[in-house]
Protein backbone atom coordinates (compact mmCIF):
# COMPACT_ATOMS: atom_id res chain seq x y z
CA MET A 1 -87.34 -162.09 30.10
CA LEU A 2 -85.62 -160.94 33.52
CA THR A 3 -84.01 -163.52 35.59
CA SER A 4 -82.93 -163.72 39.40
CA ARG A 5 -81.08 -165.85 41.51
CA HIS A 6 -82.42 -167.06 44.65
CA MET A 7 -80.55 -166.13 47.56
CA GLY A 8 -82.16 -167.76 50.60
CA GLY A 9 -85.30 -167.15 52.67
CA GLY A 10 -86.00 -164.80 55.44
CA CYS A 11 -83.69 -161.93 56.83
CA ASP A 12 -82.85 -160.93 60.17
CA SER A 13 -85.60 -157.77 60.46
CA VAL A 14 -88.21 -160.35 59.58
CA LYS A 15 -87.26 -162.92 61.84
CA ALA A 16 -87.16 -160.78 64.75
CA ILE A 17 -91.11 -160.52 64.22
CA LYS A 18 -91.49 -163.89 66.12
CA GLY A 19 -90.83 -165.98 62.96
CA LYS A 20 -94.62 -165.81 61.75
CA PHE A 21 -93.81 -165.31 58.43
CA SER A 22 -90.59 -165.07 55.76
CA ALA A 23 -91.51 -161.55 54.13
CA ALA A 24 -88.35 -161.14 52.28
CA ARG A 25 -86.49 -163.38 50.09
CA TYR A 26 -83.79 -161.79 48.30
CA GLY A 27 -82.25 -162.47 44.95
CA GLY A 28 -79.68 -160.89 42.78
CA GLN A 29 -80.14 -160.27 38.94
CA MET A 30 -77.41 -163.07 38.03
CA GLY A 31 -78.94 -166.13 37.12
CA CYS A 32 -81.65 -168.04 35.90
CA GLU A 33 -83.36 -170.09 38.51
CA ILE A 34 -86.30 -168.15 39.08
CA PRO A 35 -87.93 -166.78 35.78
CA ILE A 36 -89.50 -163.60 36.96
CA ILE A 37 -92.90 -163.28 34.74
CA LYS A 38 -93.55 -159.72 33.48
CA GLY A 39 -96.92 -160.55 32.17
CA ALA A 40 -99.89 -162.78 32.80
CA ASP A 41 -100.15 -165.34 29.79
CA SER A 42 -102.49 -167.80 31.67
CA PRO A 43 -105.89 -167.30 33.41
CA ALA A 44 -104.35 -168.84 36.54
CA GLN A 45 -101.16 -166.06 36.23
CA ARG A 46 -103.88 -163.37 35.74
CA ASP A 47 -105.87 -164.44 38.83
CA LEU A 48 -102.72 -164.67 41.05
CA LEU A 49 -101.75 -161.09 39.83
CA GLU A 50 -105.35 -159.74 40.56
CA ARG A 51 -105.29 -161.56 44.24
CA GLY A 52 -101.76 -159.73 44.62
CA ALA A 53 -103.25 -156.31 43.50
CA ARG A 54 -105.75 -156.79 46.29
CA LEU A 55 -103.38 -157.95 48.86
CA ARG A 56 -101.19 -154.74 48.13
CA SER A 57 -104.15 -152.40 48.15
CA GLU A 58 -105.33 -153.91 51.64
CA LEU A 59 -101.61 -153.45 53.16
CA LEU A 60 -101.56 -149.87 51.81
CA ASP A 61 -104.71 -149.34 53.73
CA ALA A 62 -103.39 -150.95 56.80
CA PHE A 63 -100.09 -149.08 56.81
CA ALA A 64 -102.55 -145.98 56.53
CA ARG A 65 -104.24 -146.97 59.89
CA LEU A 66 -101.22 -147.58 61.30
CA GLU A 67 -99.76 -144.03 60.29
CA GLU A 68 -102.92 -142.36 61.42
CA THR A 69 -102.23 -144.11 64.93
CA ILE A 70 -98.71 -142.38 64.74
CA VAL A 71 -99.88 -139.08 63.83
CA ARG A 72 -102.57 -139.08 66.68
CA LYS A 73 -99.93 -140.12 69.46
CA LEU A 74 -97.51 -137.34 68.03
CA ALA A 75 -100.28 -134.74 68.00
CA GLN A 76 -100.94 -135.37 71.94
CA GLN A 77 -97.42 -134.68 72.68
CA GLY A 78 -97.44 -131.67 70.18
CA LYS A 79 -94.90 -133.14 67.91
CA PHE A 80 -96.77 -133.90 64.81
CA SER A 81 -94.80 -132.93 61.56
CA PRO A 82 -97.27 -133.56 58.56
CA SER A 83 -94.42 -133.60 55.86
CA ALA A 84 -92.43 -136.01 57.78
CA SER A 85 -91.76 -139.54 56.23
CA LEU A 86 -93.33 -142.67 58.33
CA THR A 87 -89.61 -143.49 59.19
CA HIS A 88 -88.92 -140.08 60.53
CA LYS A 89 -92.38 -140.04 62.45
CA LEU A 90 -91.43 -143.37 63.92
CA ASP A 91 -88.13 -141.83 65.06
CA THR A 92 -89.95 -138.86 66.72
CA LEU A 93 -92.37 -141.12 68.36
CA GLU A 94 -89.94 -143.15 69.87
CA LYS A 95 -88.63 -140.16 71.82
CA ALA A 96 -92.29 -139.26 73.00
CA ALA A 97 -93.31 -139.71 76.48
CA PHE A 98 -94.90 -143.04 76.91
CA ARG A 99 -96.49 -144.07 80.00
CA TYR A 100 -94.89 -147.60 79.76
CA PRO A 101 -91.93 -146.57 77.46
CA ALA A 102 -90.08 -150.01 77.37
CA LYS A 103 -93.14 -151.64 76.10
CA ALA A 104 -93.77 -148.78 73.93
CA HIS A 105 -90.08 -148.99 72.26
CA GLN A 106 -90.56 -152.55 71.97
CA ARG A 107 -93.64 -152.08 69.83
CA ILE A 108 -91.88 -149.49 67.67
CA ALA A 109 -89.03 -151.77 67.16
CA GLU A 110 -91.69 -154.15 65.75
CA ILE A 111 -93.06 -151.85 63.10
CA ARG A 112 -89.77 -150.85 62.02
CA PRO A 113 -88.92 -153.93 59.91
CA LEU A 114 -92.71 -153.70 58.39
CA VAL A 115 -91.94 -150.03 57.29
CA ASP A 116 -88.89 -151.80 55.29
CA CYS A 117 -91.50 -154.23 53.53
CA ARG A 118 -93.52 -151.30 52.81
CA ASN A 119 -90.96 -149.39 51.08
CA ASP A 120 -90.19 -152.03 48.77
CA ILE A 121 -93.64 -152.76 47.89
CA VAL A 122 -94.63 -149.14 47.29
CA HIS A 123 -91.48 -148.55 45.35
CA SER A 124 -92.07 -151.55 42.78
CA THR A 125 -94.01 -152.96 40.07
CA LEU A 126 -96.02 -156.08 40.96
CA ASN A 127 -94.13 -159.10 39.03
CA LEU A 128 -94.73 -163.03 39.55
CA ALA A 129 -92.03 -165.59 39.81
CA GLU A 130 -92.07 -169.49 39.76
CA MET A 131 -89.36 -170.99 41.85
CA SER A 132 -88.38 -174.63 41.34
CA GLY A 133 -85.98 -176.76 43.75
CA GLY A 134 -86.51 -176.56 47.50
CA GLU A 135 -89.13 -173.73 47.67
CA THR A 136 -91.21 -174.65 44.69
CA GLY A 137 -94.12 -172.28 43.99
CA SER A 138 -95.67 -168.91 43.21
CA TYR A 139 -94.11 -165.54 44.65
CA PHE A 140 -94.91 -161.98 44.28
CA VAL A 141 -91.74 -160.02 43.39
CA PHE A 142 -90.88 -156.54 44.25
CA ARG A 143 -87.87 -154.84 43.35
CA ASN A 144 -87.38 -151.45 44.61
CA VAL A 145 -86.62 -148.91 41.91
CA SER A 146 -84.63 -146.82 44.48
CA ALA A 147 -82.47 -150.04 45.63
CA ILE A 148 -78.90 -149.26 44.61
CA GLN A 149 -77.34 -152.49 42.75
CA ASP A 150 -74.37 -154.01 44.72
CA SER A 151 -71.99 -156.66 43.41
CA THR A 152 -74.65 -159.28 43.82
CA GLY A 153 -76.78 -157.37 41.55
CA GLN A 154 -80.20 -155.79 41.92
CA GLN A 155 -81.94 -157.16 45.00
CA PHE A 156 -85.71 -158.14 45.16
CA ARG A 157 -88.35 -159.22 47.74
CA ALA A 158 -90.41 -162.20 47.09
CA LEU A 159 -93.60 -163.23 49.18
CA THR A 160 -95.64 -165.99 48.49
CA PRO A 161 -99.54 -165.10 48.47
CA GLU A 162 -99.86 -166.53 52.17
CA GLU A 163 -96.80 -164.45 53.40
CA PHE A 164 -98.51 -161.46 51.80
CA LYS A 165 -101.46 -162.24 53.22
CA MET A 166 -99.94 -162.45 56.73
CA LEU A 167 -98.03 -159.34 56.47
CA VAL A 168 -101.31 -157.54 56.05
CA GLY A 169 -102.40 -159.17 59.29
CA ARG A 170 -98.86 -158.08 61.07
CA VAL A 171 -99.37 -154.29 60.16
CA LYS A 172 -103.02 -154.60 61.47
CA THR A 173 -101.65 -156.37 64.67
CA ALA A 174 -98.90 -153.73 65.05
CA THR A 175 -101.42 -151.06 64.86
CA LYS A 176 -103.51 -152.27 67.62
CA HIS A 177 -100.36 -153.19 69.76
CA LEU A 178 -99.19 -149.36 69.34
CA ASN A 179 -102.77 -147.93 70.02
CA ASP A 180 -103.02 -149.60 73.33
CA GLN A 181 -99.86 -147.83 74.69
CA PRO A 182 -100.96 -144.69 76.44
CA MET A 183 -99.03 -141.50 76.51
CA LYS A 184 -98.16 -139.68 79.49
CA ALA A 185 -100.66 -136.87 80.08
CA THR A 186 -99.20 -133.30 79.19
CA THR A 187 -98.91 -130.69 81.59
CA PRO A 188 -100.86 -127.51 80.68
CA THR A 189 -98.72 -124.63 80.49
CA ALA A 190 -99.43 -122.36 83.83
CA PRO A 191 -100.41 -118.70 83.03
CA ALA A 192 -97.72 -116.16 82.84
CA SER A 193 -97.76 -114.50 86.44
CA PRO A 194 -97.49 -110.56 86.49
CA SER A 195 -93.45 -109.70 86.72
CA ALA A 196 -92.07 -108.49 90.11
CA SER A 197 -90.56 -105.65 88.60
CA ALA A 198 -93.68 -104.28 87.15
CA VAL A 199 -94.08 -100.57 87.51
CA PRO A 200 -96.84 -100.25 89.98
CA PRO A 201 -99.63 -97.93 89.03
CA THR A 202 -99.27 -94.33 89.47
CA PRO A 203 -101.89 -93.37 92.51
CA ARG A 204 -104.04 -90.93 91.92
């Protein structure tokens, strides 16, 4: 059985999103306060894993719609790069010409911590954890396989079912807010004028 030690609730990147939910609790694999359940031994655990799988699917669909919005805005500016990562697309979009750049940059800043959550969830298997003590309850646990282990151990992200559902809602809201940010109209390129130094036609 894998075990993890609870390291506190929330993170700065998520608290910045108006404190609507605590989307990240981090723990190191250095103790035994939170037993991570790798299987589903009871009907309740199986039901919870099925709910987590549905929420994960909803989250990925929500992020696909968010990325579609980003791609569409980049295409309006002629800056679309199909092979770029979502983070790189956001970096490019931040430099694009918005009609209200300050508000657009705020919306992009709100998206970035959500992308961090997405990366952990996408690059992890879905596990369950039961926590005792001050924050008793069931959690969906995601341990990013790409994360580098540091002196505190390998880190994980833990979400309650309610927080997971709220995360999906935050992504949908972020998509709407970004979609509402208009781009500046691009100036069409004027046709090239004849060169003044062009050789005049030979008179007949």
